């Protein structure tokens, strides 16, 4: 069955071009041309992934993303945010709202498809063998339910944040490079920005609260997690 991609983009020519190319790549695309209709389409069709422009009429992409994450029926749909802006602050805002990745116009169709496939791969987490619960200090991860409890409080993580935390905890004590994280968590082998890793780590630490301090920065290389 083809994976369904919802494109929310107000530039009609660009949206239709993206849809045409994604269909050639084996996806089933659908277009919406403003924020309000895009949000309605997401709730109606429950796509496998949403390509979401930041600047939209009617309802900004940031507001659409926020609404998607608040609705339990759409909160787990991965979002690839698209914008003409390239400033770091815009990327950070996108991740804070729950976007799974970020791509800046102009971009190639090859890069877009690589990012879409990478997001879909990392959202398809394999079922673990043995006990579904994994603990590290005050962090408890339920791998089957994709649930994290930190310091006795349930923590709302995006699919990417969940996989990043799980990856680090499963390799506790080991130093993991940013490039390795991009390859294994983001599934990027030739497309990626290591600042994406730093932004996600910052967000993950904040969401975990005090136990987030167990994620240590190894200056100039990467990260590791260990019990304090």
N, C-alpha and C. Protein backbone atom coordinates (compact mmCIF):
# COMPACT_ATOMS: atom_id res chain seq x y z
N UNK A 1 0.84 -1.20 0.00
CA UNK A 1 0.00 0.00 0.00
C UNK A 1 0.88 1.25 0.00
N UNK A 2 0.55 2.21 -0.86
CA UNK A 2 1.35 3.43 -0.96
C UNK A 2 1.22 4.27 0.31
N UNK A 3 2.34 4.87 0.71
CA UNK A 3 2.31 5.76 1.86
C UNK A 3 1.75 7.11 1.43
N UNK A 4 0.85 7.64 2.25
CA UNK A 4 0.11 8.86 1.90
C UNK A 4 0.83 10.10 2.44
N UNK A 5 1.08 11.05 1.55
CA UNK A 5 1.76 12.29 1.91
C UNK A 5 0.81 13.46 1.68
N UNK A 6 0.57 14.25 2.72
CA UNK A 6 -0.24 15.46 2.60
C UNK A 6 0.70 16.65 2.45
N UNK A 7 0.54 17.40 1.36
CA UNK A 7 1.34 18.59 1.09
C UNK A 7 0.49 19.81 1.40
N UNK A 8 0.90 20.60 2.39
CA UNK A 8 0.19 21.84 2.72
C UNK A 8 1.09 22.99 2.29
N UNK A 9 0.77 23.56 1.14
CA UNK A 9 1.63 24.56 0.49
C UNK A 9 0.75 25.51 -0.31
N UNK A 10 0.89 26.83 -0.06
CA UNK A 10 0.02 27.79 -0.73
C UNK A 10 0.44 28.12 -2.15
N UNK A 11 1.70 27.85 -2.52
CA UNK A 11 2.13 28.05 -3.90
C UNK A 11 1.64 26.85 -4.72
N UNK A 12 0.53 27.04 -5.41
CA UNK A 12 -0.13 25.92 -6.07
C UNK A 12 0.78 25.20 -7.07
N UNK A 13 1.55 25.96 -7.85
CA UNK A 13 2.43 25.33 -8.83
C UNK A 13 3.46 24.44 -8.14
N UNK A 14 4.02 24.93 -7.03
CA UNK A 14 5.01 24.14 -6.31
C UNK A 14 4.36 22.90 -5.68
N UNK A 15 3.19 23.07 -5.09
CA UNK A 15 2.50 21.94 -4.47
C UNK A 15 2.21 20.85 -5.49
N UNK A 16 1.73 21.26 -6.67
CA UNK A 16 1.40 20.27 -7.69
C UNK A 16 2.65 19.61 -8.26
N UNK A 17 3.76 20.38 -8.34
CA UNK A 17 5.02 19.80 -8.79
C UNK A 17 5.52 18.76 -7.77
N UNK A 18 5.43 19.10 -6.49
CA UNK A 18 5.83 18.16 -5.45
C UNK A 18 4.98 16.89 -5.52
N UNK A 19 3.68 17.08 -5.69
CA UNK A 19 2.77 15.93 -5.76
C UNK A 19 3.11 15.05 -6.95
N UNK A 20 3.38 15.67 -8.09
CA UNK A 20 3.73 14.91 -9.29
C UNK A 20 4.97 14.06 -9.06
N UNK A 21 6.00 14.67 -8.48
CA UNK A 21 7.26 13.95 -8.26
C UNK A 21 7.14 12.89 -7.18
N UNK A 22 6.38 13.18 -6.13
CA UNK A 22 6.20 12.19 -5.07
C UNK A 22 5.41 10.99 -5.58
N UNK A 23 4.46 11.25 -6.47
CA UNK A 23 3.72 10.13 -7.06
C UNK A 23 4.65 9.25 -7.90
N UNK A 24 5.57 9.88 -8.62
CA UNK A 24 6.56 9.12 -9.40
C UNK A 24 7.45 8.28 -8.49
N UNK A 25 7.66 8.75 -7.26
CA UNK A 25 8.51 8.03 -6.30
C UNK A 25 7.74 6.94 -5.55
N UNK A 26 6.47 6.76 -5.89
CA UNK A 26 5.72 5.67 -5.29
C UNK A 26 4.84 6.05 -4.12
N UNK A 27 4.70 7.35 -3.85
CA UNK A 27 3.84 7.81 -2.77
C UNK A 27 2.44 8.16 -3.30
N UNK A 28 1.51 8.34 -2.38
CA UNK A 28 0.16 8.79 -2.74
C UNK A 28 -0.03 10.19 -2.16
N UNK A 29 0.27 11.24 -2.94
CA UNK A 29 0.20 12.61 -2.41
C UNK A 29 -1.20 13.21 -2.52
N UNK A 30 -1.44 14.18 -1.63
CA UNK A 30 -2.66 14.98 -1.65
C UNK A 30 -2.26 16.41 -1.28
N UNK A 31 -2.90 17.40 -1.89
CA UNK A 31 -2.52 18.80 -1.67
C UNK A 31 -3.62 19.58 -0.94
N UNK A 32 -3.17 20.51 -0.11
CA UNK A 32 -4.05 21.53 0.47
C UNK A 32 -3.30 22.85 0.33
N UNK A 33 -4.04 23.93 0.07
CA UNK A 33 -3.38 25.18 -0.31
C UNK A 33 -3.49 26.30 0.73
N UNK A 34 -3.99 25.98 1.91
CA UNK A 34 -3.98 26.96 3.00
C UNK A 34 -3.97 26.18 4.31
N UNK A 35 -3.69 26.89 5.41
CA UNK A 35 -3.53 26.22 6.68
C UNK A 35 -4.79 25.56 7.21
N UNK A 36 -5.91 26.23 7.08
CA UNK A 36 -7.16 25.70 7.62
C UNK A 36 -7.59 24.42 6.91
N UNK A 37 -7.58 24.46 5.56
CA UNK A 37 -7.98 23.26 4.82
C UNK A 37 -6.95 22.15 4.99
N UNK A 38 -5.68 22.54 5.18
CA UNK A 38 -4.63 21.55 5.41
C UNK A 38 -4.85 20.81 6.72
N UNK A 39 -5.19 21.55 7.77
CA UNK A 39 -5.47 20.93 9.07
C UNK A 39 -6.68 20.01 8.98
N UNK A 40 -7.72 20.45 8.27
CA UNK A 40 -8.91 19.62 8.09
C UNK A 40 -8.56 18.34 7.32
N UNK A 41 -7.72 18.48 6.28
CA UNK A 41 -7.33 17.31 5.49
C UNK A 41 -6.53 16.32 6.32
N UNK A 42 -5.67 16.84 7.20
CA UNK A 42 -4.87 15.97 8.07
C UNK A 42 -5.76 15.18 9.02
N UNK A 43 -6.74 15.87 9.59
CA UNK A 43 -7.65 15.20 10.53
C UNK A 43 -8.55 14.20 9.82
N UNK A 44 -8.89 14.51 8.57
CA UNK A 44 -9.80 13.66 7.80
C UNK A 44 -9.10 12.41 7.26
N UNK A 45 -7.89 12.59 6.70
CA UNK A 45 -7.26 11.49 5.98
C UNK A 45 -6.18 10.75 6.77
N UNK A 46 -5.68 11.33 7.88
CA UNK A 46 -4.62 10.72 8.69
C UNK A 46 -3.46 10.23 7.81
N UNK A 47 -2.76 11.15 7.13
CA UNK A 47 -1.67 10.74 6.23
C UNK A 47 -0.50 10.14 7.00
N UNK A 48 0.40 9.50 6.27
CA UNK A 48 1.59 8.92 6.88
C UNK A 48 2.64 9.99 7.18
N UNK A 49 2.58 11.11 6.47
CA UNK A 49 3.52 12.21 6.69
C UNK A 49 2.92 13.48 6.10
N UNK A 50 3.26 14.63 6.73
CA UNK A 50 2.79 15.92 6.24
C UNK A 50 3.98 16.78 5.86
N UNK A 51 3.97 17.31 4.64
CA UNK A 51 4.93 18.32 4.20
C UNK A 51 4.25 19.67 4.41
N UNK A 52 4.76 20.46 5.35
CA UNK A 52 4.05 21.64 5.83
C UNK A 52 4.86 22.91 5.60
N UNK A 53 4.31 23.82 4.77
CA UNK A 53 4.96 25.12 4.56
C UNK A 53 4.76 25.98 5.80
N UNK A 54 5.74 26.83 6.09
CA UNK A 54 5.66 27.67 7.28
C UNK A 54 4.72 28.86 7.08
N UNK A 55 4.83 29.52 5.92
CA UNK A 55 4.03 30.72 5.65
C UNK A 55 2.81 30.34 4.83
N UNK A 56 1.64 30.30 5.48
CA UNK A 56 0.41 29.89 4.82
C UNK A 56 -0.68 30.92 5.08
N UNK A 57 -1.59 31.10 4.11
CA UNK A 57 -2.74 31.98 4.36
C UNK A 57 -3.76 31.29 5.27
N UNK A 58 -4.52 32.10 5.97
CA UNK A 58 -5.58 31.56 6.82
C UNK A 58 -5.09 31.11 8.17
N UNK A 59 -4.04 30.32 8.17
CA UNK A 59 -3.49 29.77 9.41
C UNK A 59 -2.03 29.43 9.15
N UNK A 60 -1.12 30.03 9.89
CA UNK A 60 0.30 29.81 9.68
C UNK A 60 0.68 28.35 9.92
N UNK A 61 1.75 27.91 9.25
CA UNK A 61 2.22 26.54 9.42
C UNK A 61 2.56 26.23 10.86
N UNK A 62 3.08 27.22 11.60
CA UNK A 62 3.39 27.00 13.01
C UNK A 62 2.13 26.68 13.80
N UNK A 63 1.03 27.36 13.48
CA UNK A 63 -0.23 27.11 14.18
C UNK A 63 -0.82 25.77 13.78
N UNK A 64 -0.66 25.41 12.51
CA UNK A 64 -1.13 24.10 12.05
C UNK A 64 -0.39 22.99 12.80
N UNK A 65 0.94 23.14 12.89
CA UNK A 65 1.76 22.14 13.58
C UNK A 65 1.36 22.03 15.04
N UNK A 66 1.12 23.16 15.67
CA UNK A 66 0.72 23.18 17.08
C UNK A 66 -0.62 22.45 17.26
N UNK A 67 -1.55 22.71 16.34
CA UNK A 67 -2.87 22.07 16.43
C UNK A 67 -2.77 20.56 16.19
N UNK A 68 -1.92 20.16 15.28
CA UNK A 68 -1.72 18.74 15.00
C UNK A 68 -1.21 18.01 16.24
N UNK A 69 -0.27 18.63 16.94
CA UNK A 69 0.34 17.99 18.10
C UNK A 69 -0.61 17.94 19.30
N UNK A 70 -1.57 18.86 19.36
CA UNK A 70 -2.52 18.88 20.48
C UNK A 70 -3.65 17.88 20.30
N UNK A 71 -3.91 17.49 19.05
CA UNK A 71 -5.01 16.57 18.73
C UNK A 71 -4.48 15.13 18.81
N UNK A 72 -5.07 14.30 19.66
CA UNK A 72 -4.58 12.94 19.84
C UNK A 72 -4.69 12.11 18.56
N UNK A 73 -5.59 12.47 17.66
CA UNK A 73 -5.75 11.70 16.42
C UNK A 73 -4.68 12.02 15.38
N UNK A 74 -3.97 13.15 15.57
CA UNK A 74 -2.93 13.55 14.59
C UNK A 74 -1.57 13.78 15.24
N UNK A 75 -1.48 13.62 16.55
CA UNK A 75 -0.25 14.01 17.26
C UNK A 75 0.97 13.20 16.85
N UNK A 76 0.77 11.99 16.33
CA UNK A 76 1.91 11.14 15.98
C UNK A 76 2.24 11.18 14.49
N UNK A 77 1.52 11.97 13.71
CA UNK A 77 1.83 12.08 12.28
C UNK A 77 3.12 12.89 12.12
N UNK A 78 4.15 12.34 11.48
CA UNK A 78 5.40 13.10 11.31
C UNK A 78 5.21 14.29 10.39
N UNK A 79 5.93 15.39 10.71
CA UNK A 79 5.82 16.64 9.97
C UNK A 79 7.19 17.06 9.46
N UNK A 80 7.28 17.30 8.16
CA UNK A 80 8.47 17.90 7.55
C UNK A 80 8.13 19.34 7.23
N UNK A 81 8.74 20.27 7.94
CA UNK A 81 8.42 21.68 7.77
C UNK A 81 9.25 22.27 6.63
N UNK A 82 8.58 23.02 5.75
CA UNK A 82 9.23 23.62 4.58
C UNK A 82 9.08 25.13 4.66
N UNK A 83 10.17 25.86 4.43
CA UNK A 83 10.10 27.31 4.48
C UNK A 83 11.19 27.95 3.64
N UNK A 84 10.95 29.18 3.26
CA UNK A 84 11.96 29.94 2.53
C UNK A 84 12.97 30.54 3.49
N UNK A 85 12.64 30.53 4.78
CA UNK A 85 13.56 31.09 5.78
C UNK A 85 14.63 30.07 6.15
N UNK A 86 15.84 30.56 6.39
CA UNK A 86 16.92 29.65 6.74
C UNK A 86 17.57 29.97 8.06
N UNK A 87 17.03 30.94 8.80
CA UNK A 87 17.64 31.32 10.07
C UNK A 87 17.46 30.22 11.10
N UNK A 88 18.45 30.10 11.97
CA UNK A 88 18.42 29.05 13.00
C UNK A 88 17.18 29.19 13.89
N UNK A 89 16.76 30.41 14.19
CA UNK A 89 15.62 30.61 15.08
C UNK A 89 14.37 29.98 14.51
N UNK A 90 14.20 30.02 13.18
CA UNK A 90 13.03 29.42 12.56
C UNK A 90 13.07 27.90 12.67
N UNK A 91 14.27 27.35 12.53
CA UNK A 91 14.42 25.90 12.67
C UNK A 91 14.11 25.47 14.11
N UNK A 92 14.60 26.24 15.07
CA UNK A 92 14.36 25.92 16.48
C UNK A 92 12.87 25.99 16.79
N UNK A 93 12.20 27.04 16.31
CA UNK A 93 10.76 27.17 16.53
C UNK A 93 10.01 25.98 15.95
N UNK A 94 10.41 25.56 14.75
CA UNK A 94 9.77 24.41 14.12
C UNK A 94 9.90 23.16 14.97
N UNK A 95 11.09 22.91 15.50
CA UNK A 95 11.31 21.73 16.34
C UNK A 95 10.56 21.85 17.67
N UNK A 96 10.51 23.07 18.21
CA UNK A 96 9.78 23.27 19.47
C UNK A 96 8.31 22.94 19.32
N UNK A 97 7.77 23.19 18.15
CA UNK A 97 6.35 22.92 17.90
C UNK A 97 6.09 21.46 17.57
N UNK A 98 7.16 20.67 17.39
CA UNK A 98 6.98 19.25 17.15
C UNK A 98 7.26 18.78 15.75
N UNK A 99 7.85 19.63 14.90
CA UNK A 99 8.23 19.19 13.55
C UNK A 99 9.32 18.13 13.66
N UNK A 100 9.29 17.14 12.78
CA UNK A 100 10.29 16.08 12.81
C UNK A 100 11.54 16.44 12.02
N UNK A 101 11.40 17.32 11.06
CA UNK A 101 12.56 17.77 10.29
C UNK A 101 12.20 19.09 9.62
N UNK A 102 13.17 19.66 8.93
CA UNK A 102 13.08 21.03 8.44
C UNK A 102 13.88 21.10 7.14
N UNK A 103 13.30 21.66 6.10
CA UNK A 103 14.01 21.80 4.83
C UNK A 103 13.74 23.21 4.30
N UNK A 104 14.79 23.84 3.74
CA UNK A 104 14.71 25.24 3.33
C UNK A 104 14.61 25.33 1.81
N UNK A 105 13.68 26.16 1.33
CA UNK A 105 13.57 26.44 -0.10
C UNK A 105 14.76 27.31 -0.53
N UNK A 106 15.28 27.14 -1.75
CA UNK A 106 14.93 26.09 -2.71
C UNK A 106 15.63 24.78 -2.36
N UNK A 107 14.98 23.68 -2.65
CA UNK A 107 15.56 22.36 -2.37
C UNK A 107 15.34 21.47 -3.58
N UNK A 108 16.13 20.41 -3.66
CA UNK A 108 15.98 19.48 -4.77
C UNK A 108 14.96 18.41 -4.40
N UNK A 109 14.33 17.82 -5.41
CA UNK A 109 13.38 16.75 -5.15
C UNK A 109 14.09 15.55 -4.54
N UNK A 110 15.34 15.34 -4.92
CA UNK A 110 16.10 14.23 -4.35
C UNK A 110 16.25 14.40 -2.85
N UNK A 111 16.60 15.63 -2.40
CA UNK A 111 16.76 15.87 -0.97
C UNK A 111 15.43 15.71 -0.25
N UNK A 112 14.36 16.23 -0.84
CA UNK A 112 13.05 16.10 -0.21
C UNK A 112 12.66 14.64 -0.03
N UNK A 113 12.84 13.84 -1.08
CA UNK A 113 12.48 12.42 -1.00
C UNK A 113 13.35 11.68 0.01
N UNK A 114 14.64 12.02 0.06
CA UNK A 114 15.52 11.40 1.04
C UNK A 114 15.06 11.70 2.46
N UNK A 115 14.68 12.95 2.70
CA UNK A 115 14.23 13.33 4.04
C UNK A 115 12.90 12.66 4.39
N UNK A 116 11.99 12.60 3.44
CA UNK A 116 10.70 11.94 3.68
C UNK A 116 10.90 10.47 4.01
N UNK A 117 11.71 9.79 3.21
CA UNK A 117 11.94 8.36 3.46
C UNK A 117 12.64 8.14 4.80
N UNK A 118 13.57 9.04 5.12
CA UNK A 118 14.29 8.91 6.40
C UNK A 118 13.33 9.08 7.58
N UNK A 119 12.45 10.07 7.50
CA UNK A 119 11.48 10.28 8.58
C UNK A 119 10.57 9.07 8.72
N UNK A 120 10.07 8.55 7.60
CA UNK A 120 9.17 7.41 7.65
C UNK A 120 9.87 6.18 8.21
N UNK A 121 11.15 6.01 7.88
CA UNK A 121 11.90 4.86 8.42
C UNK A 121 12.06 4.98 9.93
N UNK A 122 12.40 6.16 10.41
CA UNK A 122 12.66 6.26 11.84
C UNK A 122 11.38 6.29 12.66
N UNK A 123 10.25 6.58 12.03
CA UNK A 123 8.98 6.50 12.74
C UNK A 123 8.46 5.07 12.81
N UNK A 124 9.03 4.21 11.99
CA UNK A 124 8.62 2.81 11.97
C UNK A 124 9.56 2.02 12.89
N UNK A 125 9.43 2.28 14.19
CA UNK A 125 10.32 1.64 15.17
C UNK A 125 9.94 0.17 15.31
N UNK A 126 10.93 -0.70 15.23
CA UNK A 126 10.69 -2.13 15.35
C UNK A 126 10.28 -2.47 16.78
N UNK A 127 9.44 -3.49 16.93
CA UNK A 127 9.05 -3.95 18.25
C UNK A 127 10.25 -4.60 18.93
N UNK A 128 10.53 -4.26 20.18
CA UNK A 128 11.69 -4.80 20.87
C UNK A 128 11.47 -6.23 21.31
N UNK A 129 12.55 -6.94 21.54
CA UNK A 129 12.47 -8.27 22.12
C UNK A 129 12.67 -8.14 23.62
N UNK A 130 12.16 -9.12 24.39
CA UNK A 130 12.32 -9.06 25.83
C UNK A 130 11.40 -8.01 26.44
N UNK A 131 11.79 -7.52 27.61
CA UNK A 131 10.96 -6.56 28.33
C UNK A 131 10.83 -5.26 27.56
N UNK A 132 9.61 -4.70 27.49
CA UNK A 132 9.44 -3.42 26.78
C UNK A 132 9.95 -2.23 27.57
N UNK A 133 10.19 -2.42 28.88
CA UNK A 133 10.60 -1.31 29.73
C UNK A 133 12.12 -1.20 29.80
N UNK A 134 12.59 0.02 29.68
CA UNK A 134 14.03 0.31 29.75
C UNK A 134 14.19 1.48 30.72
N UNK A 135 15.06 1.35 31.70
CA UNK A 135 15.22 2.40 32.70
C UNK A 135 16.65 2.87 32.78
N UNK A 136 16.78 4.14 33.12
CA UNK A 136 18.08 4.75 33.40
C UNK A 136 17.84 5.83 34.44
N UNK A 137 18.22 5.57 35.68
CA UNK A 137 17.94 6.54 36.73
C UNK A 137 16.45 6.78 36.86
N UNK A 138 16.04 8.03 36.75
CA UNK A 138 14.63 8.40 36.88
C UNK A 138 13.89 8.41 35.54
N UNK A 139 14.53 7.89 34.50
CA UNK A 139 13.90 7.83 33.17
C UNK A 139 13.43 6.40 32.92
N UNK A 140 12.15 6.25 32.58
CA UNK A 140 11.58 4.94 32.24
C UNK A 140 11.01 5.03 30.84
N UNK A 141 11.45 4.13 29.96
CA UNK A 141 10.99 4.11 28.57
C UNK A 141 10.18 2.84 28.33
N UNK A 142 8.95 3.01 27.86
CA UNK A 142 8.12 1.88 27.45
C UNK A 142 8.21 1.81 25.93
N UNK A 143 8.99 0.85 25.44
CA UNK A 143 9.27 0.78 24.01
C UNK A 143 8.05 0.37 23.19
N UNK A 144 7.15 -0.42 23.77
CA UNK A 144 5.98 -0.86 23.01
C UNK A 144 4.95 0.26 22.87
N UNK A 145 4.76 1.03 23.93
CA UNK A 145 3.74 2.08 23.92
C UNK A 145 4.30 3.45 23.53
N UNK A 146 5.61 3.50 23.28
CA UNK A 146 6.25 4.79 22.95
C UNK A 146 5.94 5.82 24.04
N UNK A 147 6.15 5.41 25.28
CA UNK A 147 5.82 6.24 26.44
C UNK A 147 7.06 6.44 27.28
N UNK A 148 7.28 7.68 27.74
CA UNK A 148 8.44 7.98 28.57
C UNK A 148 7.97 8.67 29.85
N UNK A 149 8.47 8.17 30.98
CA UNK A 149 8.23 8.79 32.27
C UNK A 149 9.56 9.28 32.80
N UNK A 150 9.62 10.56 33.15
CA UNK A 150 10.86 11.16 33.67
C UNK A 150 10.55 11.81 35.01
N UNK A 151 11.26 11.36 36.06
CA UNK A 151 11.04 11.87 37.41
C UNK A 151 9.56 11.77 37.78
N UNK A 152 8.97 10.60 37.48
CA UNK A 152 7.58 10.27 37.83
C UNK A 152 6.53 11.06 37.06
N UNK A 153 6.94 11.79 36.03
CA UNK A 153 5.98 12.55 35.21
C UNK A 153 6.06 12.07 33.77
N UNK A 154 4.89 11.83 33.18
CA UNK A 154 4.87 11.40 31.78
C UNK A 154 5.34 12.54 30.89
N UNK A 155 6.18 12.21 29.94
CA UNK A 155 6.82 13.22 29.09
C UNK A 155 6.34 13.05 27.66
N UNK A 156 5.88 14.13 27.06
CA UNK A 156 5.34 14.10 25.69
C UNK A 156 6.47 14.35 24.70
N UNK A 157 6.94 13.28 24.05
CA UNK A 157 8.03 13.38 23.09
C UNK A 157 7.52 13.15 21.67
N UNK A 158 8.13 13.82 20.70
CA UNK A 158 7.86 13.52 19.30
C UNK A 158 8.50 12.16 18.98
N UNK A 159 8.14 11.59 17.85
CA UNK A 159 8.69 10.29 17.46
C UNK A 159 10.21 10.35 17.33
N UNK A 160 10.74 11.47 16.83
CA UNK A 160 12.19 11.61 16.68
C UNK A 160 12.86 11.74 18.05
N UNK A 161 12.27 12.52 18.94
CA UNK A 161 12.84 12.66 20.28
C UNK A 161 12.82 11.32 21.01
N UNK A 162 11.74 10.55 20.83
CA UNK A 162 11.65 9.24 21.47
C UNK A 162 12.76 8.33 20.96
N UNK A 163 12.95 8.30 19.66
CA UNK A 163 13.96 7.41 19.10
C UNK A 163 15.36 7.85 19.51
N UNK A 164 15.59 9.17 19.58
CA UNK A 164 16.89 9.69 20.01
C UNK A 164 17.19 9.27 21.45
N UNK A 165 16.22 9.44 22.34
CA UNK A 165 16.41 9.04 23.73
C UNK A 165 16.65 7.55 23.84
N UNK A 166 15.82 6.76 23.15
CA UNK A 166 15.97 5.30 23.20
C UNK A 166 17.35 4.88 22.71
N UNK A 167 17.81 5.50 21.63
CA UNK A 167 19.12 5.17 21.06
C UNK A 167 20.23 5.44 22.08
N UNK A 168 20.18 6.60 22.74
CA UNK A 168 21.20 6.96 23.71
C UNK A 168 21.17 6.04 24.94
N UNK A 169 19.97 5.75 25.44
CA UNK A 169 19.85 4.91 26.63
C UNK A 169 20.31 3.49 26.35
N UNK A 170 19.99 2.98 25.18
CA UNK A 170 20.44 1.63 24.82
C UNK A 170 21.97 1.54 24.71
N UNK A 171 22.61 2.69 24.55
CA UNK A 171 24.08 2.74 24.42
C UNK A 171 24.69 3.55 25.56
N UNK A 172 24.08 3.47 26.71
CA UNK A 172 24.50 4.26 27.87
C UNK A 172 26.00 4.15 28.12
N UNK A 173 26.60 5.30 28.43
CA UNK A 173 28.03 5.33 28.72
C UNK A 173 28.91 5.48 27.49
N UNK A 174 28.35 5.24 26.30
CA UNK A 174 29.13 5.36 25.07
C UNK A 174 29.00 6.76 24.49
N UNK A 175 30.09 7.26 23.96
CA UNK A 175 30.07 8.56 23.29
C UNK A 175 29.66 8.34 21.84
N UNK A 176 28.60 9.04 21.41
CA UNK A 176 28.08 8.89 20.05
C UNK A 176 28.29 10.21 19.31
N UNK A 177 28.91 10.15 18.15
CA UNK A 177 29.16 11.37 17.38
C UNK A 177 27.87 11.91 16.78
N UNK A 178 27.88 13.18 16.46
CA UNK A 178 26.72 13.80 15.81
C UNK A 178 26.44 13.13 14.47
N UNK A 179 27.49 12.84 13.71
CA UNK A 179 27.31 12.18 12.41
C UNK A 179 26.68 10.80 12.57
N UNK A 180 27.11 10.08 13.62
CA UNK A 180 26.54 8.75 13.85
C UNK A 180 25.07 8.85 14.23
N UNK A 181 24.73 9.85 15.03
CA UNK A 181 23.33 10.05 15.39
C UNK A 181 22.49 10.37 14.16
N UNK A 182 23.02 11.22 13.28
CA UNK A 182 22.30 11.55 12.05
C UNK A 182 22.05 10.29 11.22
N UNK A 183 23.03 9.40 11.17
CA UNK A 183 22.89 8.18 10.38
C UNK A 183 21.89 7.20 11.00
N UNK A 184 22.02 6.99 12.32
CA UNK A 184 21.25 5.92 12.96
C UNK A 184 19.88 6.36 13.46
N UNK A 185 19.74 7.62 13.87
CA UNK A 185 18.45 8.11 14.37
C UNK A 185 17.65 8.77 13.26
N UNK A 186 18.34 9.64 12.49
CA UNK A 186 17.65 10.35 11.41
C UNK A 186 17.69 9.59 10.08
N UNK A 187 18.49 8.54 10.00
CA UNK A 187 18.65 7.75 8.76
C UNK A 187 19.20 8.60 7.62
N UNK A 188 20.03 9.59 7.94
CA UNK A 188 20.67 10.42 6.93
C UNK A 188 22.10 9.92 6.70
N UNK A 189 22.39 9.61 5.46
CA UNK A 189 23.73 9.16 5.12
C UNK A 189 24.49 10.18 4.27
N UNK A 190 23.76 10.97 3.51
CA UNK A 190 24.45 11.99 2.72
C UNK A 190 23.69 13.32 2.74
N UNK A 191 22.64 13.42 3.56
CA UNK A 191 21.91 14.67 3.70
C UNK A 191 21.67 14.89 5.19
N UNK A 192 22.05 16.04 5.69
CA UNK A 192 21.81 16.30 7.10
C UNK A 192 22.64 17.44 7.63
N UNK A 193 22.20 18.02 8.72
CA UNK A 193 22.85 19.15 9.35
C UNK A 193 23.03 18.79 10.81
N UNK A 194 24.27 18.75 11.30
CA UNK A 194 24.51 18.33 12.68
C UNK A 194 23.85 19.27 13.68
N UNK A 195 23.52 20.50 13.28
CA UNK A 195 22.82 21.40 14.19
C UNK A 195 21.43 20.87 14.52
N UNK A 196 20.89 20.05 13.63
CA UNK A 196 19.61 19.39 13.91
C UNK A 196 19.73 18.53 15.16
N UNK A 197 20.85 17.82 15.29
CA UNK A 197 21.08 16.98 16.47
C UNK A 197 21.12 17.85 17.73
N UNK A 198 21.88 18.94 17.67
CA UNK A 198 22.02 19.82 18.85
C UNK A 198 20.67 20.38 19.28
N UNK A 199 19.85 20.79 18.31
CA UNK A 199 18.53 21.35 18.63
C UNK A 199 17.64 20.31 19.30
N UNK A 200 17.65 19.08 18.79
CA UNK A 200 16.84 18.03 19.37
C UNK A 200 17.33 17.65 20.78
N UNK A 201 18.63 17.61 20.97
CA UNK A 201 19.17 17.30 22.30
C UNK A 201 18.71 18.35 23.31
N UNK A 202 18.78 19.62 22.91
CA UNK A 202 18.36 20.71 23.79
C UNK A 202 16.89 20.55 24.16
N UNK A 203 16.06 20.27 23.16
CA UNK A 203 14.63 20.09 23.42
C UNK A 203 14.39 18.87 24.31
N UNK A 204 15.11 17.79 24.05
CA UNK A 204 14.94 16.56 24.82
C UNK A 204 15.32 16.77 26.28
N UNK A 205 16.43 17.44 26.52
CA UNK A 205 16.83 17.74 27.90
C UNK A 205 15.75 18.53 28.63
N UNK A 206 15.22 19.54 27.94
CA UNK A 206 14.20 20.38 28.55
C UNK A 206 12.95 19.60 28.92
N UNK A 207 12.52 18.70 28.04
CA UNK A 207 11.31 17.93 28.28
C UNK A 207 11.51 16.91 29.41
N UNK A 208 12.72 16.38 29.55
CA UNK A 208 12.99 15.39 30.58
C UNK A 208 13.13 16.02 31.96
N UNK A 209 13.34 17.34 32.03
CA UNK A 209 13.54 17.98 33.31
C UNK A 209 14.91 17.65 33.88
N UNK A 210 14.98 17.52 35.21
CA UNK A 210 16.26 17.26 35.87
C UNK A 210 16.99 16.02 35.33
N UNK A 211 16.28 14.90 35.05
CA UNK A 211 16.98 13.74 34.49
C UNK A 211 17.63 14.01 33.13
N UNK A 212 17.20 15.08 32.46
CA UNK A 212 17.81 15.42 31.17
C UNK A 212 19.28 15.78 31.30
N UNK A 213 19.70 16.13 32.52
CA UNK A 213 21.11 16.46 32.74
C UNK A 213 22.01 15.25 32.59
N UNK A 214 21.41 14.05 32.52
CA UNK A 214 22.20 12.85 32.30
C UNK A 214 22.73 12.77 30.86
N UNK A 215 22.15 13.56 29.97
CA UNK A 215 22.67 13.62 28.59
C UNK A 215 23.83 14.60 28.59
N UNK A 216 25.01 14.11 28.37
CA UNK A 216 26.23 14.91 28.44
C UNK A 216 26.73 15.28 27.05
N UNK A 217 27.20 16.51 26.92
CA UNK A 217 27.82 16.96 25.68
C UNK A 217 29.31 16.64 25.71
N UNK A 218 29.80 16.03 24.67
CA UNK A 218 31.24 15.79 24.51
C UNK A 218 31.71 16.81 23.48
N UNK A 219 32.32 17.86 23.96
CA UNK A 219 32.63 19.03 23.13
C UNK A 219 33.37 18.65 21.85
N UNK A 220 32.86 19.17 20.74
CA UNK A 220 33.50 18.95 19.44
C UNK A 220 33.26 17.58 18.84
N UNK A 221 32.42 16.75 19.51
CA UNK A 221 32.23 15.40 18.97
C UNK A 221 30.77 14.96 18.97
N UNK A 222 30.16 14.90 20.15
CA UNK A 222 28.79 14.39 20.17
C UNK A 222 28.21 14.36 21.57
N UNK A 223 27.53 13.22 21.90
CA UNK A 223 26.80 13.15 23.17
C UNK A 223 26.89 11.73 23.75
N UNK A 224 26.62 11.65 25.06
CA UNK A 224 26.45 10.36 25.71
C UNK A 224 25.46 10.53 26.84
N UNK A 225 24.88 9.44 27.30
CA UNK A 225 23.97 9.48 28.44
C UNK A 225 24.47 8.50 29.49
N UNK A 226 24.42 8.92 30.73
CA UNK A 226 24.89 8.06 31.83
C UNK A 226 24.18 8.47 33.11
N UNK A 227 24.15 7.56 34.06
CA UNK A 227 23.55 7.89 35.35
C UNK A 227 24.45 8.84 36.11
N UNK A 228 23.84 9.84 36.75
CA UNK A 228 24.61 10.81 37.51
C UNK A 228 25.20 10.18 38.76
